[in-house]
N, C-alpha and C. Protein backbone atom coordinates (compact mmCIF):
# COMPACT_ATOMS: atom_id res chain seq x y z
N MET A 1 45.40 32.64 -127.11
CA MET A 1 44.03 32.35 -127.47
C MET A 1 43.10 33.00 -126.46
N PRO A 2 42.18 33.84 -126.91
CA PRO A 2 41.27 34.50 -125.98
C PRO A 2 40.32 33.50 -125.34
N VAL A 3 39.97 33.79 -124.10
CA VAL A 3 39.08 32.91 -123.35
C VAL A 3 37.71 33.57 -123.27
N ASP A 4 36.68 32.79 -123.52
CA ASP A 4 35.30 33.26 -123.47
C ASP A 4 34.80 33.15 -122.02
N GLU A 5 34.73 34.28 -121.34
CA GLU A 5 34.32 34.31 -119.93
C GLU A 5 32.94 33.70 -119.73
N TYR A 6 32.03 34.03 -120.62
CA TYR A 6 30.67 33.50 -120.49
C TYR A 6 30.68 31.97 -120.55
N ARG A 7 31.47 31.41 -121.48
CA ARG A 7 31.55 29.96 -121.61
C ARG A 7 32.18 29.33 -120.37
N LEU A 8 33.21 29.98 -119.83
CA LEU A 8 33.85 29.45 -118.62
C LEU A 8 32.85 29.40 -117.45
N ARG A 9 32.04 30.44 -117.34
CA ARG A 9 31.03 30.46 -116.28
C ARG A 9 30.02 29.34 -116.47
N GLN A 10 29.63 29.11 -117.73
CA GLN A 10 28.71 28.00 -118.02
C GLN A 10 29.33 26.67 -117.62
N LEU A 11 30.61 26.50 -117.96
CA LEU A 11 31.29 25.24 -117.63
C LEU A 11 31.34 25.03 -116.12
N ILE A 12 31.65 26.07 -115.39
CA ILE A 12 31.70 25.94 -113.92
C ILE A 12 30.32 25.62 -113.37
N ALA A 13 29.29 26.25 -113.92
CA ALA A 13 27.92 25.92 -113.49
C ALA A 13 27.60 24.45 -113.77
N ASN A 14 28.07 23.95 -114.88
CA ASN A 14 27.84 22.53 -115.21
C ASN A 14 28.68 21.62 -114.31
N ILE A 15 29.85 22.07 -113.92
CA ILE A 15 30.68 21.28 -113.00
C ILE A 15 30.00 21.18 -111.64
N VAL A 16 29.30 22.23 -111.24
CA VAL A 16 28.54 22.19 -109.98
C VAL A 16 27.56 21.02 -110.04
N ASP A 17 26.99 20.78 -111.23
CA ASP A 17 26.04 19.67 -111.42
C ASP A 17 26.76 18.35 -111.72
N ARG A 18 28.08 18.33 -111.51
CA ARG A 18 28.93 17.13 -111.69
C ARG A 18 29.00 16.65 -113.13
N ASP A 19 29.05 17.58 -114.06
CA ASP A 19 29.19 17.27 -115.48
C ASP A 19 30.69 17.12 -115.79
N GLU A 20 31.11 15.88 -115.96
CA GLU A 20 32.53 15.61 -116.22
C GLU A 20 32.99 16.19 -117.55
N ASN A 21 32.12 16.21 -118.54
CA ASN A 21 32.48 16.78 -119.84
C ASN A 21 32.79 18.27 -119.72
N ALA A 22 32.09 18.95 -118.82
CA ALA A 22 32.36 20.38 -118.59
C ALA A 22 33.75 20.55 -117.99
N LEU A 23 34.13 19.66 -117.09
CA LEU A 23 35.47 19.73 -116.50
C LEU A 23 36.53 19.48 -117.57
N VAL A 24 36.27 18.52 -118.44
CA VAL A 24 37.22 18.23 -119.52
C VAL A 24 37.39 19.45 -120.42
N GLU A 25 36.30 20.10 -120.77
CA GLU A 25 36.39 21.28 -121.63
C GLU A 25 37.10 22.44 -120.93
N LEU A 26 36.78 22.63 -119.65
CA LEU A 26 37.46 23.69 -118.88
C LEU A 26 38.96 23.40 -118.82
N TYR A 27 39.29 22.15 -118.59
CA TYR A 27 40.69 21.73 -118.55
C TYR A 27 41.38 22.04 -119.88
N GLN A 28 40.75 21.70 -120.97
CA GLN A 28 41.33 21.94 -122.28
C GLN A 28 41.52 23.43 -122.56
N GLN A 29 40.59 24.24 -122.10
CA GLN A 29 40.68 25.68 -122.36
C GLN A 29 41.73 26.37 -121.48
N LEU A 30 41.94 25.88 -120.26
CA LEU A 30 42.81 26.59 -119.32
C LEU A 30 44.11 25.86 -118.98
N LEU A 31 44.31 24.69 -119.54
CA LEU A 31 45.49 23.90 -119.21
C LEU A 31 46.79 24.67 -119.39
N GLN A 32 46.99 25.29 -120.53
CA GLN A 32 48.25 25.99 -120.79
C GLN A 32 48.47 27.13 -119.81
N ARG A 33 47.43 27.87 -119.51
CA ARG A 33 47.57 29.00 -118.58
C ARG A 33 47.88 28.52 -117.16
N VAL A 34 47.16 27.52 -116.70
CA VAL A 34 47.37 27.00 -115.35
C VAL A 34 48.77 26.39 -115.23
N TYR A 35 49.14 25.56 -116.20
CA TYR A 35 50.46 24.95 -116.18
C TYR A 35 51.56 26.03 -116.26
N GLY A 36 51.37 27.02 -117.11
CA GLY A 36 52.36 28.09 -117.25
C GLY A 36 52.57 28.84 -115.95
N LEU A 37 51.49 29.17 -115.26
CA LEU A 37 51.60 29.85 -113.97
C LEU A 37 52.29 28.96 -112.95
N ALA A 38 51.88 27.70 -112.89
CA ALA A 38 52.48 26.77 -111.94
C ALA A 38 53.98 26.61 -112.21
N LEU A 39 54.36 26.55 -113.47
CA LEU A 39 55.77 26.40 -113.82
C LEU A 39 56.56 27.64 -113.45
N ARG A 40 55.98 28.82 -113.68
CA ARG A 40 56.67 30.06 -113.30
C ARG A 40 56.90 30.13 -111.79
N ILE A 41 55.95 29.66 -111.01
CA ILE A 41 56.08 29.73 -109.55
C ILE A 41 56.99 28.64 -109.02
N THR A 42 56.80 27.40 -109.48
CA THR A 42 57.56 26.28 -108.90
C THR A 42 58.90 26.05 -109.58
N ARG A 43 59.01 26.45 -110.86
CA ARG A 43 60.23 26.26 -111.65
C ARG A 43 60.63 24.79 -111.78
N CYS A 44 59.64 23.93 -111.72
CA CYS A 44 59.88 22.50 -111.84
C CYS A 44 58.73 21.89 -112.63
N PRO A 45 59.01 21.33 -113.82
CA PRO A 45 57.93 20.78 -114.65
C PRO A 45 57.08 19.72 -113.94
N GLN A 46 57.72 18.82 -113.20
CA GLN A 46 56.97 17.76 -112.53
C GLN A 46 56.03 18.36 -111.47
N THR A 47 56.53 19.30 -110.70
CA THR A 47 55.70 19.95 -109.68
C THR A 47 54.59 20.75 -110.34
N ALA A 48 54.89 21.42 -111.44
CA ALA A 48 53.88 22.19 -112.16
C ALA A 48 52.76 21.27 -112.66
N GLU A 49 53.12 20.08 -113.11
CA GLU A 49 52.11 19.12 -113.54
C GLU A 49 51.22 18.70 -112.38
N GLU A 50 51.83 18.45 -111.22
CA GLU A 50 51.06 18.09 -110.03
C GLU A 50 50.14 19.22 -109.61
N VAL A 51 50.65 20.44 -109.66
CA VAL A 51 49.86 21.62 -109.30
C VAL A 51 48.68 21.75 -110.26
N THR A 52 48.91 21.53 -111.54
CA THR A 52 47.84 21.63 -112.53
C THR A 52 46.75 20.61 -112.23
N GLU A 53 47.15 19.39 -111.94
CA GLU A 53 46.18 18.35 -111.59
C GLU A 53 45.41 18.74 -110.32
N ASP A 54 46.13 19.21 -109.30
CA ASP A 54 45.49 19.63 -108.05
C ASP A 54 44.51 20.77 -108.29
N THR A 55 44.88 21.69 -109.17
CA THR A 55 44.02 22.84 -109.45
C THR A 55 42.68 22.40 -110.02
N PHE A 56 42.70 21.53 -110.99
CA PHE A 56 41.43 21.11 -111.60
C PHE A 56 40.64 20.19 -110.68
N TRP A 57 41.33 19.46 -109.82
CA TRP A 57 40.64 18.65 -108.82
C TRP A 57 39.92 19.58 -107.84
N GLN A 58 40.60 20.66 -107.44
CA GLN A 58 39.98 21.63 -106.53
C GLN A 58 38.82 22.35 -107.22
N VAL A 59 38.94 22.66 -108.50
CA VAL A 59 37.83 23.27 -109.24
C VAL A 59 36.63 22.33 -109.20
N TRP A 60 36.87 21.06 -109.40
CA TRP A 60 35.79 20.06 -109.38
C TRP A 60 35.09 20.05 -108.02
N ARG A 61 35.88 20.08 -106.96
CA ARG A 61 35.32 20.02 -105.60
C ARG A 61 34.67 21.33 -105.18
N GLN A 62 35.25 22.46 -105.58
CA GLN A 62 34.80 23.74 -105.05
C GLN A 62 34.01 24.59 -106.05
N ALA A 63 33.58 24.00 -107.14
CA ALA A 63 32.81 24.76 -108.13
C ALA A 63 31.61 25.49 -107.51
N PRO A 64 30.92 24.91 -106.53
CA PRO A 64 29.79 25.64 -105.94
C PRO A 64 30.21 26.95 -105.25
N ARG A 65 31.45 27.09 -104.93
CA ARG A 65 31.93 28.30 -104.26
C ARG A 65 32.21 29.45 -105.23
N PHE A 66 32.26 29.16 -106.51
CA PHE A 66 32.54 30.23 -107.48
C PHE A 66 31.41 31.24 -107.45
N ASP A 67 31.77 32.52 -107.38
CA ASP A 67 30.80 33.61 -107.35
C ASP A 67 31.19 34.62 -108.43
N ALA A 68 30.41 34.66 -109.50
CA ALA A 68 30.71 35.54 -110.64
C ALA A 68 30.69 37.02 -110.24
N VAL A 69 29.99 37.35 -109.18
CA VAL A 69 29.94 38.74 -108.72
C VAL A 69 31.31 39.17 -108.18
N ARG A 70 32.03 38.23 -107.58
CA ARG A 70 33.32 38.55 -106.95
C ARG A 70 34.48 38.58 -107.95
N GLY A 71 34.30 38.01 -109.13
CA GLY A 71 35.38 38.02 -110.10
C GLY A 71 35.12 37.10 -111.26
N SER A 72 36.04 37.14 -112.21
CA SER A 72 35.87 36.32 -113.42
C SER A 72 36.20 34.86 -113.14
N ALA A 73 35.72 34.01 -114.00
CA ALA A 73 35.97 32.57 -113.87
C ALA A 73 37.46 32.26 -114.03
N ILE A 74 38.10 32.90 -114.99
CA ILE A 74 39.52 32.63 -115.20
C ILE A 74 40.34 33.10 -113.99
N ALA A 75 39.97 34.23 -113.40
CA ALA A 75 40.68 34.71 -112.22
C ALA A 75 40.51 33.73 -111.06
N TRP A 76 39.33 33.17 -110.93
CA TRP A 76 39.06 32.20 -109.86
C TRP A 76 39.94 30.96 -110.04
N VAL A 77 39.98 30.44 -111.25
CA VAL A 77 40.79 29.24 -111.51
C VAL A 77 42.28 29.56 -111.33
N MET A 78 42.71 30.70 -111.81
CA MET A 78 44.13 31.06 -111.70
C MET A 78 44.52 31.33 -110.25
N THR A 79 43.60 31.83 -109.45
CA THR A 79 43.87 32.02 -108.02
C THR A 79 44.06 30.67 -107.34
N ILE A 80 43.23 29.72 -107.71
CA ILE A 80 43.39 28.36 -107.17
C ILE A 80 44.75 27.81 -107.59
N ALA A 81 45.11 27.99 -108.85
CA ALA A 81 46.39 27.48 -109.36
C ALA A 81 47.55 28.13 -108.61
N ARG A 82 47.48 29.42 -108.41
CA ARG A 82 48.54 30.13 -107.69
C ARG A 82 48.66 29.60 -106.26
N SER A 83 47.54 29.43 -105.61
CA SER A 83 47.54 28.93 -104.24
C SER A 83 48.13 27.52 -104.17
N ARG A 84 47.72 26.65 -105.10
CA ARG A 84 48.25 25.28 -105.12
C ARG A 84 49.76 25.30 -105.39
N ALA A 85 50.21 26.17 -106.27
CA ALA A 85 51.64 26.25 -106.60
C ALA A 85 52.44 26.74 -105.40
N LEU A 86 51.93 27.73 -104.70
CA LEU A 86 52.63 28.24 -103.52
C LEU A 86 52.66 27.19 -102.42
N ASP A 87 51.58 26.44 -102.27
CA ASP A 87 51.57 25.35 -101.30
C ASP A 87 52.62 24.30 -101.66
N ALA A 88 52.71 23.97 -102.93
CA ALA A 88 53.71 22.99 -103.38
C ALA A 88 55.11 23.51 -103.13
N LEU A 89 55.31 24.77 -103.38
CA LEU A 89 56.61 25.39 -103.15
C LEU A 89 56.98 25.36 -101.68
N ARG A 90 56.02 25.61 -100.81
CA ARG A 90 56.29 25.55 -99.37
C ARG A 90 56.68 24.14 -98.95
N ARG A 91 56.01 23.15 -99.51
CA ARG A 91 56.36 21.76 -99.17
C ARG A 91 57.78 21.44 -99.62
N ILE A 92 58.15 21.93 -100.79
CA ILE A 92 59.49 21.67 -101.33
C ILE A 92 60.54 22.42 -100.53
N ASP A 93 60.25 23.68 -100.19
CA ASP A 93 61.23 24.54 -99.52
C ASP A 93 61.30 24.35 -98.02
N ARG A 94 60.38 23.59 -97.45
CA ARG A 94 60.39 23.41 -96.00
C ARG A 94 61.65 22.64 -95.61
N PRO A 95 62.50 23.24 -94.80
CA PRO A 95 63.73 22.55 -94.42
C PRO A 95 63.44 21.36 -93.51
N GLU A 96 64.23 20.34 -93.70
CA GLU A 96 64.13 19.18 -92.82
C GLU A 96 64.61 19.61 -91.43
N THR A 97 63.87 19.26 -90.41
CA THR A 97 64.23 19.64 -89.06
C THR A 97 64.83 18.44 -88.36
N ASP A 98 66.00 18.64 -87.80
CA ASP A 98 66.65 17.61 -87.01
C ASP A 98 66.25 17.83 -85.56
N GLU A 99 65.23 17.07 -85.10
CA GLU A 99 64.69 17.28 -83.76
C GLU A 99 65.72 17.00 -82.68
N SER A 100 66.63 16.07 -82.91
CA SER A 100 67.64 15.77 -81.90
C SER A 100 68.56 16.96 -81.69
N ALA A 101 68.83 17.73 -82.77
CA ALA A 101 69.67 18.91 -82.64
C ALA A 101 68.96 19.98 -81.82
N ILE A 102 67.66 20.09 -81.99
CA ILE A 102 66.91 21.07 -81.22
C ILE A 102 66.89 20.71 -79.75
N VAL A 103 66.68 19.45 -79.44
CA VAL A 103 66.60 19.01 -78.06
C VAL A 103 67.94 19.15 -77.36
N SER A 104 69.02 18.81 -78.06
CA SER A 104 70.33 18.81 -77.42
C SER A 104 70.98 20.18 -77.38
N GLU A 105 70.40 21.17 -78.06
CA GLU A 105 70.98 22.49 -78.09
C GLU A 105 70.77 23.18 -76.76
N PRO A 106 71.85 23.64 -76.11
CA PRO A 106 71.68 24.29 -74.82
C PRO A 106 71.01 25.65 -74.97
N VAL A 107 70.19 26.00 -74.01
CA VAL A 107 69.52 27.28 -74.00
C VAL A 107 70.33 28.22 -73.13
N SER A 108 70.70 29.37 -73.68
CA SER A 108 71.49 30.31 -72.91
C SER A 108 70.57 31.35 -72.28
N ALA A 109 70.35 31.21 -70.99
CA ALA A 109 69.56 32.17 -70.23
C ALA A 109 70.23 32.35 -68.88
N ASP A 110 70.35 33.57 -68.48
CA ASP A 110 71.03 33.84 -67.22
C ASP A 110 70.22 33.39 -66.02
N THR A 111 68.92 33.60 -66.08
CA THR A 111 68.05 33.24 -64.95
C THR A 111 66.83 32.52 -65.48
N PRO A 112 66.11 31.86 -64.59
CA PRO A 112 64.85 31.25 -65.03
C PRO A 112 63.87 32.28 -65.60
N HIS A 113 63.92 33.49 -65.05
CA HIS A 113 63.05 34.56 -65.55
C HIS A 113 63.39 34.89 -67.01
N ASP A 114 64.70 34.94 -67.35
CA ASP A 114 65.13 35.18 -68.72
C ASP A 114 64.65 34.07 -69.64
N LEU A 115 64.76 32.84 -69.16
CA LEU A 115 64.30 31.69 -69.95
C LEU A 115 62.79 31.79 -70.20
N LEU A 116 62.05 32.13 -69.17
CA LEU A 116 60.60 32.27 -69.31
C LEU A 116 60.27 33.36 -70.32
N ASN A 117 60.94 34.49 -70.23
CA ASN A 117 60.70 35.59 -71.18
C ASN A 117 61.01 35.15 -72.61
N ALA A 118 62.12 34.43 -72.81
CA ALA A 118 62.49 33.97 -74.15
C ALA A 118 61.45 33.01 -74.72
N VAL A 119 60.99 32.09 -73.90
CA VAL A 119 59.99 31.11 -74.35
C VAL A 119 58.68 31.82 -74.67
N GLN A 120 58.25 32.73 -73.80
CA GLN A 120 56.99 33.44 -74.04
C GLN A 120 57.07 34.32 -75.27
N THR A 121 58.20 35.00 -75.46
CA THR A 121 58.36 35.85 -76.63
C THR A 121 58.33 35.03 -77.91
N GLY A 122 59.04 33.88 -77.92
CA GLY A 122 59.03 33.00 -79.09
C GLY A 122 57.65 32.48 -79.39
N SER A 123 56.92 32.11 -78.36
CA SER A 123 55.57 31.60 -78.53
C SER A 123 54.65 32.70 -79.07
N LEU A 124 54.80 33.92 -78.53
CA LEU A 124 53.98 35.03 -79.01
C LEU A 124 54.25 35.32 -80.48
N LEU A 125 55.52 35.27 -80.87
CA LEU A 125 55.87 35.51 -82.26
C LEU A 125 55.26 34.45 -83.16
N GLN A 126 55.35 33.19 -82.76
CA GLN A 126 54.76 32.12 -83.56
C GLN A 126 53.25 32.29 -83.69
N GLN A 127 52.60 32.68 -82.61
CA GLN A 127 51.15 32.90 -82.65
C GLN A 127 50.81 34.08 -83.56
N ALA A 128 51.59 35.14 -83.47
CA ALA A 128 51.34 36.32 -84.30
C ALA A 128 51.53 35.98 -85.78
N LEU A 129 52.59 35.23 -86.10
CA LEU A 129 52.83 34.84 -87.49
C LEU A 129 51.72 33.92 -88.00
N ALA A 130 51.28 33.01 -87.15
CA ALA A 130 50.22 32.08 -87.56
C ALA A 130 48.90 32.81 -87.81
N ALA A 131 48.70 33.96 -87.15
CA ALA A 131 47.46 34.71 -87.30
C ALA A 131 47.42 35.55 -88.58
N LEU A 132 48.57 35.70 -89.24
CA LEU A 132 48.61 36.51 -90.46
C LEU A 132 47.89 35.82 -91.61
N GLU A 133 47.44 36.62 -92.54
CA GLU A 133 46.89 36.09 -93.79
C GLU A 133 48.01 35.37 -94.54
N PRO A 134 47.68 34.41 -95.40
CA PRO A 134 48.73 33.63 -96.08
C PRO A 134 49.71 34.47 -96.92
N LEU A 135 49.22 35.44 -97.68
CA LEU A 135 50.13 36.21 -98.54
C LEU A 135 51.13 37.04 -97.73
N PRO A 136 50.69 37.83 -96.74
CA PRO A 136 51.68 38.58 -95.96
C PRO A 136 52.67 37.67 -95.24
N ARG A 137 52.17 36.55 -94.70
CA ARG A 137 53.06 35.61 -94.01
C ARG A 137 54.10 35.06 -94.99
N GLN A 138 53.66 34.73 -96.21
CA GLN A 138 54.60 34.19 -97.19
C GLN A 138 55.65 35.22 -97.58
N LEU A 139 55.23 36.47 -97.74
CA LEU A 139 56.20 37.52 -98.09
C LEU A 139 57.25 37.67 -96.99
N LEU A 140 56.80 37.63 -95.73
CA LEU A 140 57.77 37.71 -94.62
C LEU A 140 58.70 36.51 -94.62
N GLU A 141 58.16 35.33 -94.87
CA GLU A 141 58.99 34.13 -94.91
C GLU A 141 60.04 34.23 -96.01
N LEU A 142 59.64 34.71 -97.17
CA LEU A 142 60.60 34.86 -98.27
C LEU A 142 61.68 35.87 -97.93
N ALA A 143 61.28 36.96 -97.27
CA ALA A 143 62.24 38.01 -96.94
C ALA A 143 63.16 37.63 -95.79
N TYR A 144 62.60 37.08 -94.73
CA TYR A 144 63.38 36.90 -93.51
C TYR A 144 63.88 35.48 -93.27
N PHE A 145 63.23 34.49 -93.84
CA PHE A 145 63.68 33.12 -93.62
C PHE A 145 64.43 32.57 -94.83
N ARG A 146 64.10 33.07 -96.02
CA ARG A 146 64.83 32.63 -97.22
C ARG A 146 65.82 33.68 -97.69
N GLY A 147 65.75 34.89 -97.12
CA GLY A 147 66.73 35.92 -97.41
C GLY A 147 66.61 36.58 -98.77
N LEU A 148 65.43 36.56 -99.37
CA LEU A 148 65.25 37.18 -100.67
C LEU A 148 65.09 38.69 -100.53
N SER A 149 65.58 39.42 -101.50
CA SER A 149 65.40 40.88 -101.52
C SER A 149 63.98 41.18 -101.98
N HIS A 150 63.56 42.44 -101.80
CA HIS A 150 62.22 42.83 -102.25
C HIS A 150 62.08 42.62 -103.76
N ASP A 151 63.13 42.94 -104.52
CA ASP A 151 63.08 42.72 -105.97
C ASP A 151 62.89 41.25 -106.31
N GLU A 152 63.64 40.39 -105.62
CA GLU A 152 63.53 38.94 -105.87
C GLU A 152 62.14 38.44 -105.51
N ILE A 153 61.59 38.94 -104.41
CA ILE A 153 60.25 38.52 -103.99
C ILE A 153 59.22 38.96 -105.03
N ALA A 154 59.36 40.19 -105.52
CA ALA A 154 58.42 40.69 -106.53
C ALA A 154 58.44 39.81 -107.78
N GLN A 155 59.64 39.44 -108.22
CA GLN A 155 59.75 38.57 -109.39
C GLN A 155 59.20 37.19 -109.08
N TYR A 156 59.58 36.65 -107.94
CA TYR A 156 59.18 35.31 -107.54
C TYR A 156 57.66 35.19 -107.42
N MET A 157 57.02 36.23 -106.83
CA MET A 157 55.58 36.19 -106.60
C MET A 157 54.79 36.80 -107.75
N ASP A 158 55.50 37.35 -108.75
CA ASP A 158 54.85 38.01 -109.88
C ASP A 158 53.93 39.13 -109.39
N MET A 159 54.51 39.98 -108.52
CA MET A 159 53.79 41.11 -107.94
C MET A 159 54.58 42.39 -108.22
N PRO A 160 53.92 43.54 -108.23
CA PRO A 160 54.65 44.79 -108.36
C PRO A 160 55.56 45.02 -107.14
N LEU A 161 56.73 45.58 -107.38
CA LEU A 161 57.69 45.81 -106.31
C LEU A 161 57.10 46.68 -105.21
N GLY A 162 56.40 47.74 -105.58
CA GLY A 162 55.80 48.62 -104.58
C GLY A 162 54.80 47.90 -103.69
N SER A 163 54.04 46.99 -104.26
CA SER A 163 53.08 46.20 -103.47
C SER A 163 53.80 45.31 -102.48
N VAL A 164 54.89 44.69 -102.92
CA VAL A 164 55.66 43.83 -102.03
C VAL A 164 56.20 44.64 -100.86
N LYS A 165 56.82 45.78 -101.17
CA LYS A 165 57.41 46.62 -100.12
C LYS A 165 56.35 47.10 -99.13
N SER A 166 55.24 47.61 -99.64
CA SER A 166 54.23 48.16 -98.74
C SER A 166 53.56 47.06 -97.92
N LEU A 167 53.33 45.90 -98.51
CA LEU A 167 52.70 44.80 -97.77
C LEU A 167 53.62 44.28 -96.68
N ILE A 168 54.91 44.15 -96.98
CA ILE A 168 55.86 43.71 -95.96
C ILE A 168 55.93 44.75 -94.84
N ARG A 169 55.99 46.01 -95.18
CA ARG A 169 56.06 47.06 -94.16
C ARG A 169 54.81 47.06 -93.28
N ARG A 170 53.64 47.00 -93.89
CA ARG A 170 52.39 46.98 -93.11
C ARG A 170 52.33 45.75 -92.21
N THR A 171 52.79 44.62 -92.73
CA THR A 171 52.76 43.39 -91.95
C THR A 171 53.71 43.49 -90.76
N LEU A 172 54.89 44.04 -90.99
CA LEU A 172 55.84 44.20 -89.88
C LEU A 172 55.29 45.15 -88.82
N LEU A 173 54.67 46.24 -89.26
CA LEU A 173 54.07 47.18 -88.29
C LEU A 173 52.95 46.50 -87.51
N SER A 174 52.17 45.71 -88.20
CA SER A 174 51.09 44.98 -87.55
C SER A 174 51.65 43.99 -86.53
N LEU A 175 52.68 43.26 -86.91
CA LEU A 175 53.31 42.31 -85.99
C LEU A 175 53.88 43.04 -84.77
N ARG A 176 54.54 44.15 -85.02
CA ARG A 176 55.11 44.93 -83.92
C ARG A 176 54.01 45.35 -82.95
N HIS A 177 52.89 45.80 -83.49
CA HIS A 177 51.77 46.23 -82.66
C HIS A 177 51.19 45.05 -81.87
N ILE A 178 50.99 43.92 -82.55
CA ILE A 178 50.44 42.73 -81.90
C ILE A 178 51.37 42.26 -80.79
N LEU A 179 52.66 42.19 -81.09
CA LEU A 179 53.62 41.71 -80.10
C LEU A 179 53.76 42.68 -78.93
N ALA A 180 53.69 43.96 -79.20
CA ALA A 180 53.76 44.95 -78.11
C ALA A 180 52.55 44.81 -77.20
N ASP A 181 51.36 44.65 -77.79
CA ASP A 181 50.15 44.47 -76.99
C ASP A 181 50.21 43.19 -76.17
N ASP A 182 50.65 42.08 -76.82
CA ASP A 182 50.76 40.80 -76.11
C ASP A 182 51.80 40.87 -75.01
N ALA A 183 52.91 41.55 -75.26
CA ALA A 183 53.95 41.66 -74.24
C ALA A 183 53.44 42.43 -73.04
N MET A 184 52.64 43.46 -73.28
CA MET A 184 52.08 44.23 -72.18
C MET A 184 51.15 43.35 -71.34
N LEU A 185 50.36 42.52 -72.00
CA LEU A 185 49.43 41.65 -71.28
C LEU A 185 50.18 40.52 -70.57
N THR A 186 51.19 39.95 -71.22
CA THR A 186 51.87 38.79 -70.68
C THR A 186 52.79 39.14 -69.52
N PHE A 187 53.46 40.25 -69.64
CA PHE A 187 54.50 40.57 -68.66
C PHE A 187 54.06 41.63 -67.66
N THR A 188 52.78 41.78 -67.39
CA THR A 188 52.32 42.80 -66.46
C THR A 188 52.60 42.40 -65.01
N TYR A 189 52.95 41.15 -64.76
CA TYR A 189 53.22 40.71 -63.39
C TYR A 189 54.54 41.21 -62.86
N GLU A 190 55.40 41.77 -63.71
CA GLU A 190 56.73 42.21 -63.29
C GLU A 190 56.65 43.42 -62.40
């Protein structure tokens, strides 16, 4: 069913004015698309339902942020849905951490200087990863922490394979540059 962009923009403008009927109509027009995207990303009907609910709740709260100059209304709503679905997926996929195992695990370092270098390098890597934009960080997580191939990531994220490859490569080069610069600053006392 084709979506009337002009009508969607009107509905969002009415939602800014807290018109609940406009939200109901927007929900009715975009429910199948939002749920379909959420289901494709999460692969779980219950999670997709939660994502759909979260998406329209966020539309209600953030309607004043919609800018028709930056893109279409449907793209804005679908971007919110995609973001909510990826957040839900991260919550589901986050491994349970056994803190006692981390504390009791011996650290293998030959000297205190080696231990200091290992701790500083790990901290720098965490800071560099945290500084990344969400999409590049997620692609790296899928590739290096979940072990997905570039093809699997492209399918999983519904992105072109070439985009996945180039974004991962650029992100790795950026990380390498950031870490090299930080290492030069951190370890200049040697």
